[in-house]
Amino acid sequence: NLFTDGQEESIFPDGTIVRIQRDGSKTIEFNNGQRELHTSQFKRR
């Protein structure tokens, strides 16, 4: 999904969801309950 405000969301067949914000930061929600956040300063799981 490409939203008009510049955000993006991808939903993969395995249930993983990736959201990208306008500032480039990324959130990944895995189907095993883990979550990842990527920013320009760090990556956090």
ModelCIF file with pLDDT and N, C-alpha, C, O atoms, coordinates in Angstrom:
data_MODEL
#
_entry.id   MODEL 
#
_entity.id                         1 
_entity.type                       polymer 
_entity.pdbx_number_of_molecules   1 
#
_entity_poly.entity_id                      1 
_entity_poly.type                           'polypeptide(L)' 
_entity_poly.nstd_linkage                   no 
_entity_poly.nstd_monomer                   no 
_entity_poly.pdbx_seq_one_letter_code       NLFTDGQEESIFPDGTIVRIQRDGSKTIEFNNGQRELHTSQFKRR 
_entity_poly.pdbx_seq_one_letter_code_can   NLFTDGQEESIFPDGTIVRIQRDGSKTIEFNNGQRELHTSQFKRR 
_entity_poly.pdbx_strand_id                 A 
#
loop_
_entity_poly_seq.entity_id 
_entity_poly_seq.num 
_entity_poly_seq.mon_id 
_entity_poly_seq.hetero 
1 1  ASN n 
1 2  LEU n 
1 3  PHE n 
1 4  THR n 
1 5  ASP n 
1 6  GLY n 
1 7  GLN n 
1 8  GLU n 
1 9  GLU n 
1 10 SER n 
1 11 ILE n 
1 12 PHE n 
1 13 PRO n 
1 14 ASP n 
1 15 GLY n 
1 16 THR n 
1 17 ILE n 
1 18 VAL n 
1 19 ARG n 
1 20 ILE n 
1 21 GLN n 
1 22 ARG n 
1 23 ASP n 
1 24 GLY n 
1 25 SER n 
1 26 LYS n 
1 27 THR n 
1 28 ILE n 
1 29 GLU n 
1 30 PHE n 
1 31 ASN n 
1 32 ASN n 
1 33 GLY n 
1 34 GLN n 
1 35 ARG n 
1 36 GLU n 
1 37 LEU n 
1 38 HIS n 
1 39 THR n 
1 40 SER n 
1 41 GLN n 
1 42 PHE n 
1 43 LYS n 
1 44 ARG n 
1 45 ARG n 
#
_struct_asym.id          A 
_struct_asym.entity_id   1 
#
loop_
_ma_qa_metric.id 
_ma_qa_metric.mode 
_ma_qa_metric.name 
_ma_qa_metric.software_group_id 
_ma_qa_metric.type 
1 global pLDDT . pLDDT 
2 local  pLDDT . pLDDT 
#
_ma_qa_metric_global.metric_id      1 
_ma_qa_metric_global.metric_value   95.47 
_ma_qa_metric_global.model_id       1 
_ma_qa_metric_global.ordinal_id     1 
#
loop_
_ma_qa_metric_local.label_asym_id 
_ma_qa_metric_local.label_comp_id 
_ma_qa_metric_local.label_seq_id 
_ma_qa_metric_local.metric_id 
_ma_qa_metric_local.metric_value 
_ma_qa_metric_local.model_id 
_ma_qa_metric_local.ordinal_id 
A ASN 1  2 98.00 1 1  
A LEU 2  2 97.00 1 2  
A PHE 3  2 96.00 1 3  
A THR 4  2 95.00 1 4  
A ASP 5  2 94.00 1 5  
A GLY 6  2 93.00 1 6  
A GLN 7  2 96.00 1 7  
A GLU 8  2 97.00 1 8  
A GLU 9  2 97.00 1 9  
A SER 10 2 97.00 1 10 
A ILE 11 2 97.00 1 11 
A PHE 12 2 97.00 1 12 
A PRO 13 2 96.00 1 13 
A ASP 14 2 95.00 1 14 
A GLY 15 2 94.00 1 15 
A THR 16 2 96.00 1 16 
A ILE 17 2 97.00 1 17 
A VAL 18 2 97.00 1 18 
A ARG 19 2 97.00 1 19 
A ILE 20 2 96.00 1 20 
A GLN 21 2 94.00 1 21 
A ARG 22 2 91.00 1 22 
A ASP 23 2 92.00 1 23 
A GLY 24 2 91.00 1 24 
A SER 25 2 95.00 1 25 
A LYS 26 2 97.00 1 26 
A THR 27 2 97.00 1 27 
A ILE 28 2 97.00 1 28 
A GLU 29 2 97.00 1 29 
A PHE 30 2 96.00 1 30 
A ASN 31 2 92.00 1 31 
A ASN 32 2 93.00 1 32 
A GLY 33 2 93.00 1 33 
A GLN 34 2 96.00 1 34 
A ARG 35 2 97.00 1 35 
A GLU 36 2 97.00 1 36 
A LEU 37 2 97.00 1 37 
A HIS 38 2 96.00 1 38 
A THR 39 2 95.00 1 39 
A SER 40 2 92.00 1 40 
A GLN 41 2 94.00 1 41 
A PHE 42 2 96.00 1 42 
A LYS 43 2 96.00 1 43 
A ARG 44 2 97.00 1 44 
A ARG 45 2 96.00 1 45 
#
loop_
_atom_site.group_PDB 
_atom_site.id 
_atom_site.type_symbol 
_atom_site.label_atom_id 
_atom_site.label_alt_id 
_atom_site.label_comp_id 
_atom_site.label_asym_id 
_atom_site.label_entity_id 
_atom_site.label_seq_id 
_atom_site.pdbx_PDB_ins_code 
_atom_site.Cartn_x 
_atom_site.Cartn_y 
_atom_site.Cartn_z 
_atom_site.occupancy 
_atom_site.B_iso_or_equiv 
_atom_site.pdbx_formal_charge 
_atom_site.auth_seq_id 
_atom_site.auth_comp_id 
_atom_site.auth_asym_id 
_atom_site.auth_atom_id 
_atom_site.pdbx_PDB_model_num 
ATOM 1   N N  . ASN A 1 1  ? 0.852  -1.186  0.000  1.00 98.00 ? 1  ASN A N  1 
ATOM 2   C CA . ASN A 1 1  ? 0.000  0.000   0.000  1.00 98.00 ? 1  ASN A CA 1 
ATOM 3   C C  . ASN A 1 1  ? 0.886  1.234   0.000  1.00 98.00 ? 1  ASN A C  1 
ATOM 4   O O  . ASN A 1 1  ? 1.791  1.357   0.825  1.00 98.00 ? 1  ASN A O  1 
ATOM 5   N N  . LEU A 1 2  ? 0.625  2.143   -0.924 1.00 97.00 ? 2  LEU A N  1 
ATOM 6   C CA . LEU A 1 2  ? 1.337  3.414   -0.995 1.00 97.00 ? 2  LEU A CA 1 
ATOM 7   C C  . LEU A 1 2  ? 0.327  4.499   -0.649 1.00 97.00 ? 2  LEU A C  1 
ATOM 8   O O  . LEU A 1 2  ? -0.643 4.709   -1.377 1.00 97.00 ? 2  LEU A O  1 
ATOM 9   N N  . PHE A 1 3  ? 0.557  5.189   0.467  1.00 96.00 ? 3  PHE A N  1 
ATOM 10  C CA . PHE A 1 3  ? -0.394 6.187   0.943  1.00 96.00 ? 3  PHE A CA 1 
ATOM 11  C C  . PHE A 1 3  ? -0.016 7.574   0.426  1.00 96.00 ? 3  PHE A C  1 
ATOM 12  O O  . PHE A 1 3  ? 1.139  7.832   0.086  1.00 96.00 ? 3  PHE A O  1 
ATOM 13  N N  . THR A 1 4  ? -0.998 8.448   0.375  1.00 95.00 ? 4  THR A N  1 
ATOM 14  C CA . THR A 1 4  ? -0.783 9.787   -0.188 1.00 95.00 ? 4  THR A CA 1 
ATOM 15  C C  . THR A 1 4  ? 0.166  10.630  0.659  1.00 95.00 ? 4  THR A C  1 
ATOM 16  O O  . THR A 1 4  ? 0.762  11.580  0.150  1.00 95.00 ? 4  THR A O  1 
ATOM 17  N N  . ASP A 1 5  ? 0.317  10.302  1.940  1.00 94.00 ? 5  ASP A N  1 
ATOM 18  C CA . ASP A 1 5  ? 1.221  11.076  2.804  1.00 94.00 ? 5  ASP A CA 1 
ATOM 19  C C  . ASP A 1 5  ? 2.663  10.577  2.722  1.00 94.00 ? 5  ASP A C  1 
ATOM 20  O O  . ASP A 1 5  ? 3.520  11.050  3.469  1.00 94.00 ? 5  ASP A O  1 
ATOM 21  N N  . GLY A 1 6  ? 2.945  9.614   1.811  1.00 93.00 ? 6  GLY A N  1 
ATOM 22  C CA . GLY A 1 6  ? 4.310  9.127   1.623  1.00 93.00 ? 6  GLY A CA 1 
ATOM 23  C C  . GLY A 1 6  ? 4.625  7.862   2.394  1.00 93.00 ? 6  GLY A C  1 
ATOM 24  O O  . GLY A 1 6  ? 5.700  7.292   2.205  1.00 93.00 ? 6  GLY A O  1 
ATOM 25  N N  . GLN A 1 7  ? 3.732  7.400   3.256  1.00 96.00 ? 7  GLN A N  1 
ATOM 26  C CA . GLN A 1 7  ? 3.976  6.165   3.996  1.00 96.00 ? 7  GLN A CA 1 
ATOM 27  C C  . GLN A 1 7  ? 3.718  4.964   3.103  1.00 96.00 ? 7  GLN A C  1 
ATOM 28  O O  . GLN A 1 7  ? 2.957  5.038   2.138  1.00 96.00 ? 7  GLN A O  1 
ATOM 29  N N  . GLU A 1 8  ? 4.371  3.849   3.444  1.00 97.00 ? 8  GLU A N  1 
ATOM 30  C CA . GLU A 1 8  ? 4.200  2.602   2.699  1.00 97.00 ? 8  GLU A CA 1 
ATOM 31  C C  . GLU A 1 8  ? 3.957  1.466   3.691  1.00 97.00 ? 8  GLU A C  1 
ATOM 32  O O  . GLU A 1 8  ? 4.432  1.494   4.826  1.00 97.00 ? 8  GLU A O  1 
ATOM 33  N N  . GLU A 1 9  ? 3.211  0.478   3.235  1.00 97.00 ? 9  GLU A N  1 
ATOM 34  C CA . GLU A 1 9  ? 2.983  -0.711  4.051  1.00 97.00 ? 9  GLU A CA 1 
ATOM 35  C C  . GLU A 1 9  ? 3.009  -1.913  3.122  1.00 97.00 ? 9  GLU A C  1 
ATOM 36  O O  . GLU A 1 9  ? 2.337  -1.925  2.090  1.00 97.00 ? 9  GLU A O  1 
ATOM 37  N N  . SER A 1 10 ? 3.795  -2.931  3.494  1.00 97.00 ? 10 SER A N  1 
ATOM 38  C CA . SER A 1 10 ? 3.842  -4.177  2.727  1.00 97.00 ? 10 SER A CA 1 
ATOM 39  C C  . SER A 1 10 ? 3.430  -5.315  3.637  1.00 97.00 ? 10 SER A C  1 
ATOM 40  O O  . SER A 1 10 ? 3.916  -5.444  4.761  1.00 97.00 ? 10 SER A O  1 
ATOM 41  N N  . ILE A 1 11 ? 2.512  -6.149  3.122  1.00 97.00 ? 11 ILE A N  1 
ATOM 42  C CA . ILE A 1 11 ? 2.043  -7.312  3.875  1.00 97.00 ? 11 ILE A CA 1 
ATOM 43  C C  . ILE A 1 11 ? 2.460  -8.544  3.077  1.00 97.00 ? 11 ILE A C  1 
ATOM 44  O O  . ILE A 1 11 ? 1.995  -8.755  1.957  1.00 97.00 ? 11 ILE A O  1 
ATOM 45  N N  . PHE A 1 12 ? 3.337  -9.353  3.662  1.00 97.00 ? 12 PHE A N  1 
ATOM 46  C CA . PHE A 1 12 ? 3.881  -10.518 2.973  1.00 97.00 ? 12 PHE A CA 1 
ATOM 47  C C  . PHE A 1 12 ? 3.012  -11.749 3.227  1.00 97.00 ? 12 PHE A C  1 
ATOM 48  O O  . PHE A 1 12 ? 2.291  -11.804 4.223  1.00 97.00 ? 12 PHE A O  1 
ATOM 49  N N  . PRO A 1 13 ? 3.078  -12.733 2.333  1.00 96.00 ? 13 PRO A N  1 
ATOM 50  C CA . PRO A 1 13 ? 2.247  -13.940 2.481  1.00 96.00 ? 13 PRO A CA 1 
ATOM 51  C C  . PRO A 1 13 ? 2.425  -14.656 3.824  1.00 96.00 ? 13 PRO A C  1 
ATOM 52  O O  . PRO A 1 13 ? 1.493  -15.299 4.308  1.00 96.00 ? 13 PRO A O  1 
ATOM 53  N N  . ASP A 1 14 ? 3.609  -14.550 4.427  1.00 95.00 ? 14 ASP A N  1 
ATOM 54  C CA . ASP A 1 14 ? 3.844  -15.227 5.709  1.00 95.00 ? 14 ASP A CA 1 
ATOM 55  C C  . ASP A 1 14 ? 3.296  -14.442 6.899  1.00 95.00 ? 14 ASP A C  1 
ATOM 56  O O  . ASP A 1 14 ? 3.416  -14.884 8.042  1.00 95.00 ? 14 ASP A O  1 
ATOM 57  N N  . GLY A 1 15 ? 2.690  -13.270 6.634  1.00 94.00 ? 15 GLY A N  1 
ATOM 58  C CA . GLY A 1 15 ? 2.108  -12.467 7.704  1.00 94.00 ? 15 GLY A CA 1 
ATOM 59  C C  . GLY A 1 15 ? 3.006  -11.338 8.179  1.00 94.00 ? 15 GLY A C  1 
ATOM 60  O O  . GLY A 1 15 ? 2.570  -10.509 8.978  1.00 94.00 ? 15 GLY A O  1 
ATOM 61  N N  . THR A 1 16 ? 4.256  -11.282 7.708  1.00 96.00 ? 16 THR A N  1 
ATOM 62  C CA . THR A 1 16 ? 5.156  -10.200 8.077  1.00 96.00 ? 16 THR A CA 1 
ATOM 63  C C  . THR A 1 16 ? 4.631  -8.894  7.496  1.00 96.00 ? 16 THR A C  1 
ATOM 64  O O  . THR A 1 16 ? 4.197  -8.851  6.345  1.00 96.00 ? 16 THR A O  1 
ATOM 65  N N  . ILE A 1 17 ? 4.672  -7.823  8.299  1.00 97.00 ? 17 ILE A N  1 
ATOM 66  C CA . ILE A 1 17 ? 4.214  -6.501  7.850  1.00 97.00 ? 17 ILE A CA 1 
ATOM 67  C C  . ILE A 1 17 ? 5.371  -5.520  7.992  1.00 97.00 ? 17 ILE A C  1 
ATOM 68  O O  . ILE A 1 17 ? 5.992  -5.427  9.051  1.00 97.00 ? 17 ILE A O  1 
ATOM 69  N N  . VAL A 1 18 ? 5.657  -4.790  6.912  1.00 97.00 ? 18 VAL A N  1 
ATOM 70  C CA . VAL A 1 18 ? 6.705  -3.770  6.926  1.00 97.00 ? 18 VAL A CA 1 
ATOM 71  C C  . VAL A 1 18 ? 6.044  -2.427  6.671  1.00 97.00 ? 18 VAL A C  1 
ATOM 72  O O  . VAL A 1 18 ? 5.329  -2.251  5.685  1.00 97.00 ? 18 VAL A O  1 
ATOM 73  N N  . ARG A 1 19 ? 6.293  -1.474  7.574  1.00 97.00 ? 19 ARG A N  1 
ATOM 74  C CA . ARG A 1 19 ? 5.763  -0.116  7.413  1.00 97.00 ? 19 ARG A CA 1 
ATOM 75  C C  . ARG A 1 19 ? 6.934  0.849   7.312  1.00 97.00 ? 19 ARG A C  1 
ATOM 76  O O  . ARG A 1 19 ? 7.853  0.823   8.130  1.00 97.00 ? 19 ARG A O  1 
ATOM 77  N N  . ILE A 1 20 ? 6.882  1.701   6.292  1.00 96.00 ? 20 ILE A N  1 
ATOM 78  C CA . ILE A 1 20 ? 7.935  2.700   6.102  1.00 96.00 ? 20 ILE A CA 1 
ATOM 79  C C  . ILE A 1 20 ? 7.306  4.083   6.248  1.00 96.00 ? 20 ILE A C  1 
ATOM 80  O O  . ILE A 1 20 ? 6.338  4.416   5.564  1.00 96.00 ? 20 ILE A O  1 
ATOM 81  N N  . GLN A 1 21 ? 7.874  4.882   7.153  1.00 94.00 ? 21 GLN A N  1 
ATOM 82  C CA . GLN A 1 21 ? 7.365  6.234   7.403  1.00 94.00 ? 21 GLN A CA 1 
ATOM 83  C C  . GLN A 1 21 ? 8.005  7.218   6.421  1.00 94.00 ? 21 GLN A C  1 
ATOM 84  O O  . GLN A 1 21 ? 8.972  6.891   5.733  1.00 94.00 ? 21 GLN A O  1 
ATOM 85  N N  . ARG A 1 22 ? 7.456  8.398   6.374  1.00 91.00 ? 22 ARG A N  1 
ATOM 86  C CA . ARG A 1 22 ? 7.982  9.422   5.454  1.00 91.00 ? 22 ARG A CA 1 
ATOM 87  C C  . ARG A 1 22 ? 9.439  9.764   5.745  1.00 91.00 ? 22 ARG A C  1 
ATOM 88  O O  . ARG A 1 22 ? 10.188 10.102  4.829  1.00 91.00 ? 22 ARG A O  1 
ATOM 89  N N  . ASP A 1 23 ? 9.851  9.681   7.011  1.00 92.00 ? 23 ASP A N  1 
ATOM 90  C CA . ASP A 1 23 ? 11.237 10.007  7.368  1.00 92.00 ? 23 ASP A CA 1 
ATOM 91  C C  . ASP A 1 23 ? 12.207 8.870   7.052  1.00 92.00 ? 23 ASP A C  1 
ATOM 92  O O  . ASP A 1 23 ? 13.406 8.989   7.301  1.00 92.00 ? 23 ASP A O  1 
ATOM 93  N N  . GLY A 1 24 ? 11.689 7.767   6.504  1.00 91.00 ? 24 GLY A N  1 
ATOM 94  C CA . GLY A 1 24 ? 12.544 6.640   6.138  1.00 91.00 ? 24 GLY A CA 1 
ATOM 95  C C  . GLY A 1 24 ? 12.646 5.570   7.209  1.00 91.00 ? 24 GLY A C  1 
ATOM 96  O O  . GLY A 1 24 ? 13.179 4.491   6.953  1.00 91.00 ? 24 GLY A O  1 
ATOM 97  N N  . SER A 1 25 ? 12.140 5.851   8.416  1.00 95.00 ? 25 SER A N  1 
ATOM 98  C CA . SER A 1 25 ? 12.191 4.822   9.456  1.00 95.00 ? 25 SER A CA 1 
ATOM 99  C C  . SER A 1 25 ? 11.250 3.682   9.076  1.00 95.00 ? 25 SER A C  1 
ATOM 100 O O  . SER A 1 25 ? 10.237 3.880   8.405  1.00 95.00 ? 25 SER A O  1 
ATOM 101 N N  . LYS A 1 26 ? 11.616 2.487   9.524  1.00 97.00 ? 26 LYS A N  1 
ATOM 102 C CA . LYS A 1 26 ? 10.911 1.280   9.104  1.00 97.00 ? 26 LYS A CA 1 
ATOM 103 C C  . LYS A 1 26 ? 10.551 0.444   10.324 1.00 97.00 ? 26 LYS A C  1 
ATOM 104 O O  . LYS A 1 26 ? 11.369 0.270   11.228 1.00 97.00 ? 26 LYS A O  1 
ATOM 105 N N  . THR A 1 27 ? 9.331  -0.070  10.347 1.00 97.00 ? 27 THR A N  1 
ATOM 106 C CA . THR A 1 27 ? 8.893  -0.997  11.387 1.00 97.00 ? 27 THR A CA 1 
ATOM 107 C C  . THR A 1 27 ? 8.551  -2.315  10.704 1.00 97.00 ? 27 THR A C  1 
ATOM 108 O O  . THR A 1 27 ? 7.823  -2.344  9.712  1.00 97.00 ? 27 THR A O  1 
ATOM 109 N N  . ILE A 1 28 ? 9.091  -3.409  11.252 1.00 97.00 ? 28 ILE A N  1 
ATOM 110 C CA . ILE A 1 28 ? 8.812  -4.736  10.716 1.00 97.00 ? 28 ILE A CA 1 
ATOM 111 C C  . ILE A 1 28 ? 8.164  -5.552  11.824 1.00 97.00 ? 28 ILE A C  1 
ATOM 112 O O  . ILE A 1 28 ? 8.720  -5.689  12.914 1.00 97.00 ? 28 ILE A O  1 
ATOM 113 N N  . GLU A 1 29 ? 6.986  -6.090  11.538 1.00 97.00 ? 29 GLU A N  1 
ATOM 114 C CA . GLU A 1 29 ? 6.296  -6.953  12.499 1.00 97.00 ? 29 GLU A CA 1 
ATOM 115 C C  . GLU A 1 29 ? 6.321  -8.365  11.923 1.00 97.00 ? 29 GLU A C  1 
ATOM 116 O O  . GLU A 1 29 ? 5.708  -8.640  10.892 1.00 97.00 ? 29 GLU A O  1 
ATOM 117 N N  . PHE A 1 30 ? 7.036  -9.248  12.603 1.00 96.00 ? 30 PHE A N  1 
ATOM 118 C CA . PHE A 1 30 ? 7.179  -10.631 12.141 1.00 96.00 ? 30 PHE A CA 1 
ATOM 119 C C  . PHE A 1 30 ? 6.025  -11.476 12.653 1.00 96.00 ? 30 PHE A C  1 
ATOM 120 O O  . PHE A 1 30 ? 5.397  -11.142 13.658 1.00 96.00 ? 30 PHE A O  1 
ATOM 121 N N  . ASN A 1 31 ? 5.749  -12.573 11.958 1.00 92.00 ? 31 ASN A N  1 
ATOM 122 C CA . ASN A 1 31 ? 4.630  -13.433 12.350 1.00 92.00 ? 31 ASN A CA 1 
ATOM 123 C C  . ASN A 1 31 ? 4.921  -14.228 13.621 1.00 92.00 ? 31 ASN A C  1 
ATOM 124 O O  . ASN A 1 31 ? 4.017  -14.859 14.168 1.00 92.00 ? 31 ASN A O  1 
ATOM 125 N N  . ASN A 1 32 ? 6.167  -14.209 14.102 1.00 93.00 ? 32 ASN A N  1 
ATOM 126 C CA . ASN A 1 32 ? 6.515  -14.910 15.340 1.00 93.00 ? 32 ASN A CA 1 
ATOM 127 C C  . ASN A 1 32 ? 6.405  -13.995 16.563 1.00 93.00 ? 32 ASN A C  1 
ATOM 128 O O  . ASN A 1 32 ? 6.774  -14.384 17.671 1.00 93.00 ? 32 ASN A O  1 
ATOM 129 N N  . GLY A 1 33 ? 5.888  -12.764 16.353 1.00 93.00 ? 33 GLY A N  1 
ATOM 130 C CA . GLY A 1 33 ? 5.709  -11.841 17.470 1.00 93.00 ? 33 GLY A CA 1 
ATOM 131 C C  . GLY A 1 33 ? 6.859  -10.868 17.655 1.00 93.00 ? 33 GLY A C  1 
ATOM 132 O O  . GLY A 1 33 ? 6.741  -9.912  18.421 1.00 93.00 ? 33 GLY A O  1 
ATOM 133 N N  . GLN A 1 34 ? 7.970  -11.096 16.968 1.00 96.00 ? 34 GLN A N  1 
ATOM 134 C CA . GLN A 1 34 ? 9.093  -10.168 17.066 1.00 96.00 ? 34 GLN A CA 1 
ATOM 135 C C  . GLN A 1 34 ? 8.787  -8.917  16.247 1.00 96.00 ? 34 GLN A C  1 
ATOM 136 O O  . GLN A 1 34 ? 8.001  -8.940  15.300 1.00 96.00 ? 34 GLN A O  1 
ATOM 137 N N  . ARG A 1 35 ? 9.428  -7.839  16.644 1.00 97.00 ? 35 ARG A N  1 
ATOM 138 C CA . ARG A 1 35 ? 9.223  -6.564  15.968 1.00 97.00 ? 35 ARG A CA 1 
ATOM 139 C C  . ARG A 1 35 ? 10.563 -5.870  15.828 1.00 97.00 ? 35 ARG A C  1 
ATOM 140 O O  . ARG A 1 35 ? 11.399 -5.927  16.730 1.00 97.00 ? 35 ARG A O  1 
ATOM 141 N N  . GLU A 1 36 ? 10.768 -5.207  14.685 1.00 97.00 ? 36 GLU A N  1 
ATOM 142 C CA . GLU A 1 36 ? 12.026 -4.502  14.450 1.00 97.00 ? 36 GLU A CA 1 
ATOM 143 C C  . GLU A 1 36 ? 11.732 -3.070  14.061 1.00 97.00 ? 36 GLU A C  1 
ATOM 144 O O  . GLU A 1 36 ? 10.767 -2.787  13.351 1.00 97.00 ? 36 GLU A O  1 
ATOM 145 N N  . LEU A 1 37 ? 12.588 -2.160  14.541 1.00 97.00 ? 37 LEU A N  1 
ATOM 146 C CA . LEU A 1 37 ? 12.488 -0.750  14.189 1.00 97.00 ? 37 LEU A CA 1 
ATOM 147 C C  . LEU A 1 37 ? 13.833 -0.317  13.629 1.00 97.00 ? 37 LEU A C  1 
ATOM 148 O O  . LEU A 1 37 ? 14.864 -0.482  14.280 1.00 97.00 ? 37 LEU A O  1 
ATOM 149 N N  . HIS A 1 38 ? 13.821 0.242   12.410 1.00 96.00 ? 38 HIS A N  1 
ATOM 150 C CA . HIS A 1 38 ? 15.040 0.737   11.778 1.00 96.00 ? 38 HIS A CA 1 
ATOM 151 C C  . HIS A 1 38 ? 14.924 2.252   11.654 1.00 96.00 ? 38 HIS A C  1 
ATOM 152 O O  . HIS A 1 38 ? 13.965 2.756   11.069 1.00 96.00 ? 38 HIS A O  1 
ATOM 153 N N  . THR A 1 39 ? 15.901 2.982   12.203 1.00 95.00 ? 39 THR A N  1 
ATOM 154 C CA . THR A 1 39 ? 15.952 4.434   12.032 1.00 95.00 ? 39 THR A CA 1 
ATOM 155 C C  . THR A 1 39 ? 17.350 4.781   11.523 1.00 95.00 ? 39 THR A C  1 
ATOM 156 O O  . THR A 1 39 ? 18.181 3.896   11.322 1.00 95.00 ? 39 THR A O  1 
ATOM 157 N N  . SER A 1 40 ? 17.598 6.050   11.321 1.00 92.00 ? 40 SER A N  1 
ATOM 158 C CA . SER A 1 40 ? 18.927 6.454   10.861 1.00 92.00 ? 40 SER A CA 1 
ATOM 159 C C  . SER A 1 40 ? 19.967 6.314   11.983 1.00 92.00 ? 40 SER A C  1 
ATOM 160 O O  . SER A 1 40 ? 21.165 6.293   11.700 1.00 92.00 ? 40 SER A O  1 
ATOM 161 N N  . GLN A 1 41 ? 19.532 6.218   13.254 1.00 94.00 ? 41 GLN A N  1 
ATOM 162 C CA . GLN A 1 41 ? 20.463 6.103   14.381 1.00 94.00 ? 41 GLN A CA 1 
ATOM 163 C C  . GLN A 1 41 ? 20.679 4.671   14.861 1.00 94.00 ? 41 GLN A C  1 
ATOM 164 O O  . GLN A 1 41 ? 21.746 4.354   15.385 1.00 94.00 ? 41 GLN A O  1 
ATOM 165 N N  . PHE A 1 42 ? 19.677 3.798   14.688 1.00 96.00 ? 42 PHE A N  1 
ATOM 166 C CA . PHE A 1 42 ? 19.791 2.446   15.247 1.00 96.00 ? 42 PHE A CA 1 
ATOM 167 C C  . PHE A 1 42 ? 18.823 1.488   14.573 1.00 96.00 ? 42 PHE A C  1 
ATOM 168 O O  . PHE A 1 42 ? 17.923 1.875   13.828 1.00 96.00 ? 42 PHE A O  1 
ATOM 169 N N  . LYS A 1 43 ? 19.060 0.193   14.881 1.00 96.00 ? 43 LYS A N  1 
ATOM 170 C CA . LYS A 1 43 ? 18.117 -0.873  14.558 1.00 96.00 ? 43 LYS A CA 1 
ATOM 171 C C  . LYS A 1 43 ? 17.794 -1.562  15.874 1.00 96.00 ? 43 LYS A C  1 
ATOM 172 O O  . LYS A 1 43 ? 18.692 -1.911  16.641 1.00 96.00 ? 43 LYS A O  1 
ATOM 173 N N  . ARG A 1 44 ? 16.509 -1.754  16.128 1.00 97.00 ? 44 ARG A N  1 
ATOM 174 C CA . ARG A 1 44 ? 16.095 -2.337  17.399 1.00 97.00 ? 44 ARG A CA 1 
ATOM 175 C C  . ARG A 1 44 ? 15.164 -3.509  17.131 1.00 97.00 ? 44 ARG A C  1 
ATOM 176 O O  . ARG A 1 44 ? 14.238 -3.415  16.326 1.00 97.00 ? 44 ARG A O  1 
ATOM 177 N N  . ARG A 1 45 ? 15.431 -4.636  17.831 1.00 96.00 ? 45 ARG A N  1 
ATOM 178 C CA . ARG A 1 45 ? 14.536 -5.790  17.729 1.00 96.00 ? 45 ARG A CA 1 
ATOM 179 C C  . ARG A 1 45 ? 13.917 -6.019  19.096 1.00 96.00 ? 45 ARG A C  1 
ATOM 180 O O  . ARG A 1 45 ? 13.121 -6.942  19.267 1.00 96.00 ? 45 ARG A O  1 
#
